[in-house]
Amino acid sequence: MTITLQATEHKTFAKPEETREFPNGRAEILQVGGAAIGRLSFEPGWRWSNDVKPLAGTSSCEAPHFQYHVSGQLGIRMDDGTEIVAGPGDITSLPSGHDAWVIGDEPVVTIDWYGATDYARA
């Protein structure tokens, strides 16, 4: 993928252009450099298969993600059974076909450079 920057842009998640609320979480979306960047926030108890699956209408998360993990611990299980735990400072590249959940009592926050465009949309 080649990105050609045309103009200087400065945006902040303090003023997202779009916010998508779902049970136990939200996705805040900015359009920057021709791409959608998302800050995904999940509260303790959040699980994709419980809280976002009804919106997505798919058996697992079909949004691919390229994420930087800011806070909290996120459990991730791919449809093939592979499991990982991602925490602060980690970067994950996840293809379509996974479930995820918050581990512990700390909220999870990720910055998603790839999967935010359609995340948590009906």
PDB file of N, CA and C in Angstrom:
ATOM      1  N   MET A   1       0.843  -1.161   0.000  1.00  0.00           N
ATOM      2  CA  MET A   1       0.000   0.000   0.000  1.00  0.00           C
ATOM      3  C   MET A   1       0.896   1.234   0.000  1.00  0.00           C
ATOM      4  N   THR A   2       0.641   2.151  -0.902  1.00  0.00           N
ATOM      5  CA  THR A   2       1.381   3.392  -0.969  1.00  0.00           C
ATOM      6  C   THR A   2       0.468   4.533  -0.545  1.00  0.00           C
ATOM      7  N   ILE A   3       0.943   5.347   0.371  1.00  0.00           N
ATOM      8  CA  ILE A   3       0.184   6.507   0.820  1.00  0.00           C
ATOM      9  C   ILE A   3       0.907   7.757   0.346  1.00  0.00           C
ATOM     10  N   THR A   4       0.189   8.612  -0.347  1.00  0.00           N
ATOM     11  CA  THR A   4       0.740   9.885  -0.785  1.00  0.00           C
ATOM     12  C   THR A   4       0.023  10.981  -0.018  1.00  0.00           C
ATOM     13  N   LEU A   5       0.755  11.703   0.805  1.00  0.00           N
ATOM     14  CA  LEU A   5       0.158  12.763   1.605  1.00  0.00           C
ATOM     15  C   LEU A   5       0.044  14.024   0.773  1.00  0.00           C
ATOM     16  N   GLN A   6      -1.150  14.601   0.765  1.00  0.00           N
ATOM     17  CA  GLN A   6      -1.430  15.775  -0.050  1.00  0.00           C
ATOM     18  C   GLN A   6      -1.404  17.075   0.752  1.00  0.00           C
ATOM     19  N   ALA A   7      -1.685  17.010   2.037  1.00  0.00           N
ATOM     20  CA  ALA A   7      -1.791  18.222   2.833  1.00  0.00           C
ATOM     21  C   ALA A   7      -1.474  17.899   4.294  1.00  0.00           C
ATOM     22  N   THR A   8      -1.088  18.924   5.016  1.00  0.00           N
ATOM     23  CA  THR A   8      -0.866  18.781   6.443  1.00  0.00           C
ATOM     24  C   THR A   8      -2.214  18.601   7.135  1.00  0.00           C
ATOM     25  N   GLU A   9      -2.292  17.615   8.015  1.00  0.00           N
ATOM     26  CA  GLU A   9      -3.518  17.384   8.777  1.00  0.00           C
ATOM     27  C   GLU A   9      -3.157  17.241  10.245  1.00  0.00           C
ATOM     28  N   HIS A  10      -4.024  17.726  11.098  1.00  0.00           N
ATOM     29  CA  HIS A  10      -3.854  17.587  12.542  1.00  0.00           C
ATOM     30  C   HIS A  10      -5.222  17.334  13.141  1.00  0.00           C
ATOM     31  N   LYS A  11      -5.388  16.159  13.713  1.00  0.00           N
ATOM     32  CA  LYS A  11      -6.669  15.791  14.313  1.00  0.00           C
ATOM     33  C   LYS A  11      -6.396  15.164  15.670  1.00  0.00           C
ATOM     34  N   THR A  12      -7.445  15.042  16.466  1.00  0.00           N
ATOM     35  CA  THR A  12      -7.300  14.488  17.800  1.00  0.00           C
ATOM     36  C   THR A  12      -8.492  13.602  18.144  1.00  0.00           C
ATOM     37  N   PHE A  13      -8.224  12.535  18.886  1.00  0.00           N
ATOM     38  CA  PHE A  13      -9.307  11.679  19.345  1.00  0.00           C
ATOM     39  C   PHE A  13     -10.164  12.373  20.396  1.00  0.00           C
ATOM     40  N   ALA A  14      -9.719  13.532  20.911  1.00  0.00           N
ATOM     41  CA  ALA A  14     -10.564  14.321  21.811  1.00  0.00           C
ATOM     42  C   ALA A  14     -11.794  14.852  21.068  1.00  0.00           C
ATOM     43  N   LYS A  15     -11.705  14.926  19.735  1.00  0.00           N
ATOM     44  CA  LYS A  15     -12.818  15.370  18.895  1.00  0.00           C
ATOM     45  C   LYS A  15     -12.951  14.420  17.706  1.00  0.00           C
ATOM     46  N   PRO A  16     -13.363  13.178  17.945  1.00  0.00           N
ATOM     47  CA  PRO A  16     -13.480  12.234  16.834  1.00  0.00           C
ATOM     48  C   PRO A  16     -14.554  12.687  15.848  1.00  0.00           C
ATOM     49  N   GLU A  17     -14.380  12.325  14.598  1.00  0.00           N
ATOM     50  CA  GLU A  17     -15.362  12.662  13.573  1.00  0.00           C
ATOM     51  C   GLU A  17     -16.581  11.750  13.635  1.00  0.00           C
ATOM     52  N   GLU A  18     -16.386  10.580  14.190  1.00  0.00           N
ATOM     53  CA  GLU A  18     -17.494   9.630  14.348  1.00  0.00           C
ATOM     54  C   GLU A  18     -17.231   8.792  15.588  1.00  0.00           C
ATOM     55  N   THR A  19     -18.286   8.529  16.341  1.00  0.00           N
ATOM     56  CA  THR A  19     -18.195   7.626  17.494  1.00  0.00           C
ATOM     57  C   THR A  19     -19.269   6.563  17.338  1.00  0.00           C
ATOM     58  N   ARG A  20     -18.865   5.311  17.431  1.00  0.00           N
ATOM     59  CA  ARG A  20     -19.800   4.188  17.362  1.00  0.00           C
ATOM     60  C   ARG A  20     -19.827   3.531  18.737  1.00  0.00           C
ATOM     61  N   GLU A  21     -20.968   3.583  19.379  1.00  0.00           N
ATOM     62  CA  GLU A  21     -21.144   2.982  20.701  1.00  0.00           C
ATOM     63  C   GLU A  21     -21.681   1.564  20.544  1.00  0.00           C
ATOM     64  N   PHE A  22     -21.247   0.672  21.401  1.00  0.00           N
ATOM     65  CA  PHE A  22     -21.767  -0.687  21.468  1.00  0.00           C
ATOM     66  C   PHE A  22     -21.639  -1.126  22.919  1.00  0.00           C
ATOM     67  N   PRO A  23     -22.292  -2.197  23.323  1.00  0.00           N
ATOM     68  CA  PRO A  23     -22.207  -2.598  24.733  1.00  0.00           C
ATOM     69  C   PRO A  23     -20.752  -2.738  25.191  1.00  0.00           C
ATOM     70  N   ASN A  24     -20.443  -2.122  26.306  1.00  0.00           N
ATOM     71  CA  ASN A  24     -19.129  -2.203  26.949  1.00  0.00           C
ATOM     72  C   ASN A  24     -17.990  -1.614  26.129  1.00  0.00           C
ATOM     73  N   GLY A  25     -18.297  -0.737  25.156  1.00  0.00           N
ATOM     74  CA  GLY A  25     -17.201  -0.149  24.397  1.00  0.00           C
ATOM     75  C   GLY A  25     -17.634   0.876  23.385  1.00  0.00           C
ATOM     76  N   ARG A  26     -16.630   1.388  22.681  1.00  0.00           N
ATOM     77  CA  ARG A  26     -16.888   2.365  21.630  1.00  0.00           C
ATOM     78  C   ARG A  26     -15.716   2.393  20.657  1.00  0.00           C
ATOM     79  N   ALA A  27     -16.003   2.855  19.458  1.00  0.00           N
ATOM     80  CA  ALA A  27     -14.985   3.085  18.434  1.00  0.00           C
ATOM     81  C   ALA A  27     -15.054   4.557  18.058  1.00  0.00           C
ATOM     82  N   GLU A  28     -13.935   5.254  18.200  1.00  0.00           N
ATOM     83  CA  GLU A  28     -13.852   6.659  17.812  1.00  0.00           C
ATOM     84  C   GLU A  28     -13.018   6.717  16.540  1.00  0.00           C
ATOM     85  N   ILE A  29     -13.543   7.366  15.514  1.00  0.00           N
ATOM     86  CA  ILE A  29     -12.951   7.309  14.179  1.00  0.00           C
ATOM     87  C   ILE A  29     -12.518   8.701  13.726  1.00  0.00           C
ATOM     88  N   LEU A  30     -11.304   8.769  13.166  1.00  0.00           N
ATOM     89  CA  LEU A  30     -10.783   9.964  12.507  1.00  0.00           C
ATOM     90  C   LEU A  30     -10.439   9.602  11.070  1.00  0.00           C
ATOM     91  N   GLN A  31     -10.616  10.538  10.153  1.00  0.00           N
ATOM     92  CA  GLN A  31     -10.167  10.386   8.769  1.00  0.00           C
ATOM     93  C   GLN A  31      -8.903  11.225   8.623  1.00  0.00           C
ATOM     94  N   VAL A  32      -7.773  10.581   8.379  1.00  0.00           N
ATOM     95  CA  VAL A  32      -6.488  11.270   8.276  1.00  0.00           C
ATOM     96  C   VAL A  32      -5.706  10.666   7.108  1.00  0.00           C
ATOM     97  N   GLY A  33      -5.159  11.524   6.260  1.00  0.00           N
ATOM     98  CA  GLY A  33      -4.344  11.032   5.151  1.00  0.00           C
ATOM     99  C   GLY A  33      -5.064  10.079   4.241  1.00  0.00           C
ATOM    100  N   GLY A  34      -6.361  10.247   4.118  1.00  0.00           N
ATOM    101  CA  GLY A  34      -7.146   9.377   3.254  1.00  0.00           C
ATOM    102  C   GLY A  34      -7.480   8.026   3.864  1.00  0.00           C
ATOM    103  N   ALA A  35      -7.218   7.862   5.157  1.00  0.00           N
ATOM    104  CA  ALA A  35      -7.492   6.585   5.823  1.00  0.00           C
ATOM    105  C   ALA A  35      -8.293   6.805   7.102  1.00  0.00           C
ATOM    106  N   ALA A  36      -9.029   5.789   7.505  1.00  0.00           N
ATOM    107  CA  ALA A  36      -9.748   5.819   8.780  1.00  0.00           C
ATOM    108  C   ALA A  36      -8.843   5.236   9.857  1.00  0.00           C
ATOM    109  N   ILE A  37      -8.665   5.996  10.937  1.00  0.00           N
ATOM    110  CA  ILE A  37      -7.897   5.539  12.095  1.00  0.00           C
ATOM    111  C   ILE A  37      -8.880   5.460  13.253  1.00  0.00           C
ATOM    112  N   GLY A  38      -8.856   4.350  13.983  1.00  0.00           N
ATOM    113  CA  GLY A  38      -9.807   4.191  15.070  1.00  0.00           C
ATOM    114  C   GLY A  38      -9.132   4.022  16.412  1.00  0.00           C
ATOM    115  N   ARG A  39      -9.735   4.613  17.432  1.00  0.00           N
ATOM    116  CA  ARG A  39      -9.367   4.303  18.812  1.00  0.00           C
ATOM    117  C   ARG A  39     -10.505   3.444  19.340  1.00  0.00           C
ATOM    118  N   LEU A  40     -10.185   2.180  19.619  1.00  0.00           N
ATOM    119  CA  LEU A  40     -11.169   1.219  20.110  1.00  0.00           C
ATOM    120  C   LEU A  40     -10.996   1.078  21.613  1.00  0.00           C
ATOM    121  N   SER A  41     -12.069   1.291  22.349  1.00  0.00           N
ATOM    122  CA  SER A  41     -12.029   1.222  23.817  1.00  0.00           C
ATOM    123  C   SER A  41     -13.017   0.170  24.287  1.00  0.00           C
ATOM    124  N   PHE A  42     -12.526  -0.745  25.118  1.00  0.00           N
ATOM    125  CA  PHE A  42     -13.341  -1.851  25.610  1.00  0.00           C
ATOM    126  C   PHE A  42     -13.270  -1.892  27.135  1.00  0.00           C
ATOM    127  N   GLU A  43     -14.427  -1.947  27.776  1.00  0.00           N
ATOM    128  CA  GLU A  43     -14.505  -2.000  29.232  1.00  0.00           C
ATOM    129  C   GLU A  43     -14.359  -3.443  29.725  1.00  0.00           C
ATOM    130  N   PRO A  44     -13.963  -3.616  30.988  1.00  0.00           N
ATOM    131  CA  PRO A  44     -13.926  -4.977  31.544  1.00  0.00           C
ATOM    132  C   PRO A  44     -15.267  -5.675  31.319  1.00  0.00           C
ATOM    133  N   GLY A  45     -15.202  -6.917  30.914  1.00  0.00           N
ATOM    134  CA  GLY A  45     -16.405  -7.686  30.599  1.00  0.00           C
ATOM    135  C   GLY A  45     -16.743  -7.697  29.118  1.00  0.00           C
ATOM    136  N   TRP A  46     -16.095  -6.796  28.327  1.00  0.00           N
ATOM    137  CA  TRP A  46     -16.368  -6.758  26.887  1.00  0.00           C
ATOM    138  C   TRP A  46     -15.844  -8.024  26.223  1.00  0.00           C
ATOM    139  N   ARG A  47     -16.619  -8.527  25.286  1.00  0.00           N
ATOM    140  CA  ARG A  47     -16.199  -9.624  24.420  1.00  0.00           C
ATOM    141  C   ARG A  47     -16.858  -9.416  23.062  1.00  0.00           C
ATOM    142  N   TRP A  48     -16.070  -9.531  21.990  1.00  0.00           N
ATOM    143  CA  TRP A  48     -16.611  -9.299  20.650  1.00  0.00           C
ATOM    144  C   TRP A  48     -17.833 -10.163  20.402  1.00  0.00           C
ATOM    145  N   SER A  49     -17.750 -11.457  20.711  1.00  0.00           N
ATOM    146  CA  SER A  49     -18.840 -12.383  20.394  1.00  0.00           C
ATOM    147  C   SER A  49     -20.122 -12.087  21.173  1.00  0.00           C
ATOM    148  N   ASN A  50     -20.039 -11.331  22.263  1.00  0.00           N
ATOM    149  CA  ASN A  50     -21.229 -10.930  23.017  1.00  0.00           C
ATOM    150  C   ASN A  50     -21.701  -9.521  22.650  1.00  0.00           C
ATOM    151  N   ASP A  51     -20.752  -8.594  22.454  1.00  0.00           N
ATOM    152  CA  ASP A  51     -21.089  -7.182  22.381  1.00  0.00           C
ATOM    153  C   ASP A  51     -21.100  -6.581  20.980  1.00  0.00           C
ATOM    154  N   VAL A  52     -20.363  -7.150  20.040  1.00  0.00           N
ATOM    155  CA  VAL A  52     -20.308  -6.591  18.687  1.00  0.00           C
ATOM    156  C   VAL A  52     -20.919  -7.556  17.662  1.00  0.00           C
ATOM    157  N   LYS A  53     -20.846  -8.834  17.924  1.00  0.00           N
ATOM    158  CA  LYS A  53     -21.401  -9.833  16.993  1.00  0.00           C
ATOM    159  C   LYS A  53     -22.841  -9.522  16.581  1.00  0.00           C
ATOM    160  N   PRO A  54     -23.725  -9.116  17.506  1.00  0.00           N
ATOM    161  CA  PRO A  54     -25.097  -8.801  17.072  1.00  0.00           C
ATOM    162  C   PRO A  54     -25.156  -7.660  16.051  1.00  0.00           C
ATOM    163  N   LEU A  55     -24.229  -6.702  16.126  1.00  0.00           N
ATOM    164  CA  LEU A  55     -24.173  -5.616  15.139  1.00  0.00           C
ATOM    165  C   LEU A  55     -23.606  -6.103  13.812  1.00  0.00           C
ATOM    166  N   ALA A  56     -22.541  -6.908  13.893  1.00  0.00           N
ATOM    167  CA  ALA A  56     -21.838  -7.359  12.695  1.00  0.00           C
ATOM    168  C   ALA A  56     -22.635  -8.418  11.930  1.00  0.00           C
ATOM    169  N   GLY A  57     -23.330  -9.282  12.666  1.00  0.00           N
ATOM    170  CA  GLY A  57     -24.095 -10.339  12.018  1.00  0.00           C
ATOM    171  C   GLY A  57     -23.242 -11.435  11.405  1.00  0.00           C
ATOM    172  N   THR A  58     -22.000 -11.569  11.882  1.00  0.00           N
ATOM    173  CA  THR A  58     -21.099 -12.622  11.398  1.00  0.00           C
ATOM    174  C   THR A  58     -20.734 -13.530  12.564  1.00  0.00           C
ATOM    175  N   SER A  59     -20.245 -14.728  12.278  1.00  0.00           N
ATOM    176  CA  SER A  59     -19.938 -15.676  13.354  1.00  0.00           C
ATOM    177  C   SER A  59     -18.680 -15.293  14.120  1.00  0.00           C
ATOM    178  N   SER A  60     -17.765 -14.566  13.474  1.00  0.00           N
ATOM    179  CA  SER A  60     -16.573 -14.037  14.146  1.00  0.00           C
ATOM    180  C   SER A  60     -16.264 -12.681  13.527  1.00  0.00           C
ATOM    181  N   CYS A  61     -15.316 -11.955  14.112  1.00  0.00           N
ATOM    182  CA  CYS A  61     -14.978 -10.626  13.607  1.00  0.00           C
ATOM    183  C   CYS A  61     -14.314 -10.754  12.240  1.00  0.00           C
ATOM    184  N   GLU A  62     -14.914 -10.156  11.239  1.00  0.00           N
ATOM    185  CA  GLU A  62     -14.394 -10.223   9.878  1.00  0.00           C
ATOM    186  C   GLU A  62     -13.555  -9.000   9.518  1.00  0.00           C
ATOM    187  N   ALA A  63     -13.417  -8.055  10.456  1.00  0.00           N
ATOM    188  CA  ALA A  63     -12.583  -6.874  10.202  1.00  0.00           C
ATOM    189  C   ALA A  63     -11.125  -7.234  10.474  1.00  0.00           C
ATOM    190  N   PRO A  64     -10.250  -7.098   9.481  1.00  0.00           N
ATOM    191  CA  PRO A  64      -8.822  -7.280   9.767  1.00  0.00           C
ATOM    192  C   PRO A  64      -8.344  -6.065  10.560  1.00  0.00           C
ATOM    193  N   HIS A  65      -7.342  -6.262  11.403  1.00  0.00           N
ATOM    194  CA  HIS A  65      -6.847  -5.168  12.245  1.00  0.00           C
ATOM    195  C   HIS A  65      -5.329  -5.081  12.184  1.00  0.00           C
ATOM    196  N   PHE A  66      -4.824  -3.864  12.259  1.00  0.00           N
ATOM    197  CA  PHE A  66      -3.408  -3.579  12.462  1.00  0.00           C
ATOM    198  C   PHE A  66      -3.387  -2.570  13.596  1.00  0.00           C
ATOM    199  N   GLN A  67      -3.051  -3.040  14.813  1.00  0.00           N
ATOM    200  CA  GLN A  67      -3.297  -2.264  16.017  1.00  0.00           C
ATOM    201  C   GLN A  67      -2.069  -2.075  16.891  1.00  0.00           C
ATOM    202  N   TYR A  68      -2.045  -0.919  17.546  1.00  0.00           N
ATOM    203  CA  TYR A  68      -1.117  -0.645  18.641  1.00  0.00           C
ATOM    204  C   TYR A  68      -1.933  -0.687  19.917  1.00  0.00           C
ATOM    205  N   HIS A  69      -1.484  -1.468  20.888  1.00  0.00           N
ATOM    206  CA  HIS A  69      -2.209  -1.650  22.144  1.00  0.00           C
ATOM    207  C   HIS A  69      -1.704  -0.652  23.178  1.00  0.00           C
ATOM    208  N   VAL A  70      -2.590   0.249  23.583  1.00  0.00           N
ATOM    209  CA  VAL A  70      -2.250   1.336  24.497  1.00  0.00           C
ATOM    210  C   VAL A  70      -2.354   0.891  25.954  1.00  0.00           C
ATOM    211  N   SER A  71      -3.455   0.209  26.304  1.00  0.00           N
ATOM    212  CA  SER A  71      -3.656  -0.183  27.699  1.00  0.00           C
ATOM    213  C   SER A  71      -4.501  -1.446  27.785  1.00  0.00           C
ATOM    214  N   GLY A  72      -4.416  -2.095  28.936  1.00  0.00           N
ATOM    215  CA  GLY A  72      -5.204  -3.287  29.206  1.00  0.00           C
ATOM    216  C   GLY A  72      -4.664  -4.528  28.518  1.00  0.00           C
ATOM    217  N   GLN A  73      -5.290  -5.645  28.813  1.00  0.00           N
ATOM    218  CA  GLN A  73      -4.917  -6.942  28.243  1.00  0.00           C
ATOM    219  C   GLN A  73      -6.076  -7.447  27.390  1.00  0.00           C
ATOM    220  N   LEU A  74      -5.783  -7.789  26.138  1.00  0.00           N
ATOM    221  CA  LEU A  74      -6.793  -8.264  25.206  1.00  0.00           C
ATOM    222  C   LEU A  74      -6.486  -9.695  24.809  1.00  0.00           C
ATOM    223  N   GLY A  75      -7.405 -10.597  25.122  1.00  0.00           N
ATOM    224  CA  GLY A  75      -7.292 -11.973  24.655  1.00  0.00           C
ATOM    225  C   GLY A  75      -7.858 -12.061  23.251  1.00  0.00           C
ATOM    226  N   ILE A  76      -7.175 -12.793  22.378  1.00  0.00           N
ATOM    227  CA  ILE A  76      -7.598 -12.917  20.980  1.00  0.00           C
ATOM    228  C   ILE A  76      -7.519 -14.387  20.587  1.00  0.00           C
ATOM    229  N   ARG A  77      -8.606 -14.911  20.011  1.00  0.00           N
ATOM    230  CA  ARG A  77      -8.615 -16.284  19.506  1.00  0.00           C
ATOM    231  C   ARG A  77      -9.009 -16.241  18.033  1.00  0.00           C
ATOM    232  N   MET A  78      -8.097 -16.718  17.193  1.00  0.00           N
ATOM    233  CA  MET A  78      -8.365 -16.805  15.761  1.00  0.00           C
ATOM    234  C   MET A  78      -9.288 -18.000  15.502  1.00  0.00           C
ATOM    235  N   ASP A  79      -9.990 -17.967  14.390  1.00  0.00           N
ATOM    236  CA  ASP A  79     -10.897 -19.070  14.048  1.00  0.00           C
ATOM    237  C   ASP A  79     -10.176 -20.414  13.941  1.00  0.00           C
ATOM    238  N   ASP A  80      -8.860 -20.397  13.666  1.00  0.00           N
ATOM    239  CA  ASP A  80      -8.105 -21.651  13.584  1.00  0.00           C
ATOM    240  C   ASP A  80      -7.668 -22.158  14.958  1.00  0.00           C
ATOM    241  N   GLY A  81      -8.051 -21.447  16.037  1.00  0.00           N
ATOM    242  CA  GLY A  81      -7.723 -21.866  17.393  1.00  0.00           C
ATOM    243  C   GLY A  81      -6.498 -21.193  17.992  1.00  0.00           C
ATOM    244  N   THR A  82      -5.708 -20.499  17.198  1.00  0.00           N
ATOM    245  CA  THR A  82      -4.539 -19.775  17.698  1.00  0.00           C
ATOM    246  C   THR A  82      -4.993 -18.707  18.682  1.00  0.00           C
ATOM    247  N   GLU A  83      -4.325 -18.630  19.841  1.00  0.00           N
ATOM    248  CA  GLU A  83      -4.657 -17.627  20.843  1.00  0.00           C
ATOM    249  C   GLU A  83      -3.429 -16.808  21.204  1.00  0.00           C
ATOM    250  N   ILE A  84      -3.646 -15.505  21.411  1.00  0.00           N
ATOM    251  CA  ILE A  84      -2.598 -14.614  21.901  1.00  0.00           C
ATOM    252  C   ILE A  84      -3.211 -13.681  22.929  1.00  0.00           C
ATOM    253  N   VAL A  85      -2.351 -13.090  23.743  1.00  0.00           N
ATOM    254  CA  VAL A  85      -2.745 -12.022  24.657  1.00  0.00           C
ATOM    255  C   VAL A  85      -1.887 -10.828  24.304  1.00  0.00           C
ATOM    256  N   ALA A  86      -2.539  -9.699  24.025  1.00  0.00           N
ATOM    257  CA  ALA A  86      -1.838  -8.473  23.659  1.00  0.00           C
ATOM    258  C   ALA A  86      -2.008  -7.454  24.775  1.00  0.00           C
ATOM    259  N   GLY A  87      -0.924  -6.737  25.082  1.00  0.00           N
ATOM    260  CA  GLY A  87      -0.959  -5.736  26.130  1.00  0.00           C
ATOM    261  C   GLY A  87      -0.270  -4.461  25.702  1.00  0.00           C
ATOM    262  N   PRO A  88      -0.130  -3.516  26.632  1.00  0.00           N
ATOM    263  CA  PRO A  88       0.445  -2.213  26.318  1.00  0.00           C
ATOM    264  C   PRO A  88       1.798  -2.324  25.622  1.00  0.00           C
ATOM    265  N   GLY A  89       1.930  -1.568  24.523  1.00  0.00           N
ATOM    266  CA  GLY A  89       3.165  -1.569  23.752  1.00  0.00           C
ATOM    267  C   GLY A  89       3.213  -2.600  22.649  1.00  0.00           C
ATOM    268  N   ASP A  90       2.267  -3.534  22.634  1.00  0.00           N
ATOM    269  CA  ASP A  90       2.242  -4.572  21.601  1.00  0.00           C
ATOM    270  C   ASP A  90       1.604  -4.046  20.322  1.00  0.00           C
ATOM    271  N   ILE A  91       2.000  -4.646  19.217  1.00  0.00           N
ATOM    272  CA  ILE A  91       1.388  -4.388  17.919  1.00  0.00           C
ATOM    273  C   ILE A  91       0.883  -5.725  17.404  1.00  0.00           C
ATOM    274  N   THR A  92      -0.367  -5.740  16.929  1.00  0.00           N
ATOM    275  CA  THR A  92      -0.928  -6.967  16.383  1.00  0.00           C
ATOM    276  C   THR A  92      -1.438  -6.731  14.968  1.00  0.00           C
ATOM    277  N   SER A  93      -1.264  -7.729  14.140  1.00  0.00           N
ATOM    278  CA  SER A  93      -1.835  -7.765  12.800  1.00  0.00           C
ATOM    279  C   SER A  93      -2.745  -8.982  12.774  1.00  0.00           C
ATOM    280  N   LEU A  94      -4.041  -8.738  12.671  1.00  0.00           N
ATOM    281  CA  LEU A  94      -5.019  -9.813  12.761  1.00  0.00           C
ATOM    282  C   LEU A  94      -5.818  -9.907  11.471  1.00  0.00           C
ATOM    283  N   PRO A  95      -5.776 -11.043  10.803  1.00  0.00           N
ATOM    284  CA  PRO A  95      -6.642 -11.204   9.639  1.00  0.00           C
ATOM    285  C   PRO A  95      -8.092 -11.403  10.083  1.00  0.00           C
ATOM    286  N   SER A  96      -8.986 -11.421   9.135  1.00  0.00           N
ATOM    287  CA  SER A  96     -10.395 -11.691   9.421  1.00  0.00           C
ATOM    288  C   SER A  96     -10.529 -13.040  10.115  1.00  0.00           C
ATOM    289  N   GLY A  97     -11.556 -13.148  10.959  1.00  0.00           N
ATOM    290  CA  GLY A  97     -11.865 -14.425  11.588  1.00  0.00           C
ATOM    291  C   GLY A  97     -11.291 -14.575  12.973  1.00  0.00           C
ATOM    292  N   HIS A  98     -11.840 -13.833  13.948  1.00  0.00           N
ATOM    293  CA  HIS A  98     -11.342 -13.920  15.310  1.00  0.00           C
ATOM    294  C   HIS A  98     -12.410 -13.446  16.303  1.00  0.00           C
ATOM    295  N   ASP A  99     -12.183 -13.776  17.553  1.00  0.00           N
ATOM    296  CA  ASP A  99     -12.947 -13.264  18.686  1.00  0.00           C
ATOM    297  C   ASP A  99     -11.926 -12.587  19.596  1.00  0.00           C
ATOM    298  N   ALA A 100     -12.378 -11.680  20.452  1.00  0.00           N
ATOM    299  CA  ALA A 100     -11.474 -11.011  21.383  1.00  0.00           C
ATOM    300  C   ALA A 100     -12.249 -10.638  22.635  1.00  0.00           C
ATOM    301  N   TRP A 101     -11.523 -10.482  23.760  1.00  0.00           N
ATOM    302  CA  TRP A 101     -12.159 -10.157  25.027  1.00  0.00           C
ATOM    303  C   TRP A 101     -11.155  -9.466  25.939  1.00  0.00           C
ATOM    304  N   VAL A 102     -11.708  -8.661  26.863  1.00  0.00           N
ATOM    305  CA  VAL A 102     -10.883  -7.983  27.866  1.00  0.00           C
ATOM    306  C   VAL A 102     -10.532  -8.982  28.958  1.00  0.00           C
ATOM    307  N   ILE A 103      -9.258  -9.013  29.308  1.00  0.00           N
ATOM    308  CA  ILE A 103      -8.777  -9.836  30.419  1.00  0.00           C
ATOM    309  C   ILE A 103      -8.551  -8.910  31.609  1.00  0.00           C
ATOM    310  N   GLY A 104      -9.156  -9.234  32.737  1.00  0.00           N
ATOM    311  CA  GLY A 104      -8.928  -8.462  33.955  1.00  0.00           C
ATOM    312  C   GLY A 104      -9.855  -7.267  34.102  1.00  0.00           C
ATOM    313  N   ASP A 105      -9.446  -6.359  34.996  1.00  0.00           N
ATOM    314  CA  ASP A 105     -10.295  -5.239  35.393  1.00  0.00           C
ATOM    315  C   ASP A 105      -9.899  -3.904  34.767  1.00  0.00           C
ATOM    316  N   GLU A 106      -8.898  -3.892  33.903  1.00  0.00           N
ATOM    317  CA  GLU A 106      -8.463  -2.653  33.278  1.00  0.00           C
ATOM    318  C   GLU A 106      -9.051  -2.544  31.868  1.00  0.00           C
ATOM    319  N   PRO A 107      -9.601  -1.374  31.511  1.00  0.00           N
ATOM    320  CA  PRO A 107     -10.096  -1.201  30.146  1.00  0.00           C
ATOM    321  C   PRO A 107      -8.977  -1.391  29.122  1.00  0.00           C
ATOM    322  N   VAL A 108      -9.353  -1.851  27.935  1.00  0.00           N
ATOM    323  CA  VAL A 108      -8.426  -2.012  26.817  1.00  0.00           C
ATOM    324  C   VAL A 108      -8.624  -0.841  25.860  1.00  0.00           C
ATOM    325  N   VAL A 109      -7.517  -0.262  25.415  1.00  0.00           N
ATOM    326  CA  VAL A 109      -7.548   0.774  24.386  1.00  0.00           C
ATOM    327  C   VAL A 109      -6.535   0.381  23.322  1.00  0.00           C
ATOM    328  N   THR A 110      -6.982   0.379  22.057  1.00  0.00           N
ATOM    329  CA  THR A 110      -6.089   0.122  20.931  1.00  0.00           C
ATOM    330  C   THR A 110      -6.262   1.226  19.897  1.00  0.00           C
ATOM    331  N   ILE A 111      -5.207   1.482  19.149  1.00  0.00           N
ATOM    332  CA  ILE A 111      -5.272   2.359  17.983  1.00  0.00           C
ATOM    333  C   ILE A 111      -5.182   1.447  16.769  1.00  0.00           C
ATOM    334  N   ASP A 112      -6.186   1.534  15.902  1.00  0.00           N
ATOM    335  CA  ASP A 112      -6.325   0.610  14.779  1.00  0.00           C
ATOM    336  C   ASP A 112      -6.165   1.371  13.470  1.00  0.00           C
ATOM    337  N   TRP A 113      -5.109   1.023  12.725  1.00  0.00           N
ATOM    338  CA  TRP A 113      -4.814   1.699  11.459  1.00  0.00           C
ATOM    339  C   TRP A 113      -5.455   1.021  10.261  1.00  0.00           C
ATOM    340  N   TYR A 114      -6.099  -0.112  10.449  1.00  0.00           N
ATOM    341  CA  TYR A 114      -6.573  -0.831   9.279  1.00  0.00           C
ATOM    342  C   TYR A 114      -8.041  -1.225   9.355  1.00  0.00           C
ATOM    343  N   GLY A 115      -8.519  -1.654  10.489  1.00  0.00           N
ATOM    344  CA  GLY A 115      -9.855  -2.235  10.563  1.00  0.00           C
ATOM    345  C   GLY A 115     -10.950  -1.304  11.021  1.00  0.00           C
ATOM    346  N   ALA A 116     -10.671  -0.020  11.190  1.00  0.00           N
ATOM    347  CA  ALA A 116     -11.644   0.892  11.779  1.00  0.00           C
ATOM    348  C   ALA A 116     -12.771   1.298  10.837  1.00  0.00           C
ATOM    349  N   THR A 117     -12.551   1.225   9.544  1.00  0.00           N
ATOM    350  CA  THR A 117     -13.531   1.744   8.581  1.00  0.00           C
ATOM    351  C   THR A 117     -14.933   1.197   8.812  1.00  0.00           C
ATOM    352  N   ASP A 118     -15.068  -0.094   8.966  1.00  0.00           N
ATOM    353  CA  ASP A 118     -16.387  -0.703   9.115  1.00  0.00           C
ATOM    354  C   ASP A 118     -16.611  -1.342  10.476  1.00  0.00           C
ATOM    355  N   TYR A 119     -15.701  -1.131  11.428  1.00  0.00           N
ATOM    356  CA  TYR A 119     -15.817  -1.819  12.716  1.00  0.00           C
ATOM    357  C   TYR A 119     -17.072  -1.367  13.454  1.00  0.00           C
ATOM    358  N   ALA A 120     -17.803  -2.330  13.994  1.00  0.00           N
ATOM    359  CA  ALA A 120     -19.005  -2.108  14.810  1.00  0.00           C
ATOM    360  C   ALA A 120     -20.098  -1.372  14.040  1.00  0.00           C
ATOM    361  N   ARG A 121     -20.212  -1.659  12.769  1.00  0.00           N
ATOM    362  CA  ARG A 121     -21.314  -1.143  11.952  1.00  0.00           C
ATOM    363  C   ARG A 121     -22.277  -2.256  11.651  1.00  0.00           C
ATOM    364  N   ALA A 122     -23.532  -1.912  11.658  1.00  0.00           N
ATOM    365  CA  ALA A 122     -24.553  -2.926  11.330  1.00  0.00           C
ATOM    366  C   ALA A 122     -24.470  -3.287   9.862  1.00  0.00           C
TER     367      ALA A 122
END
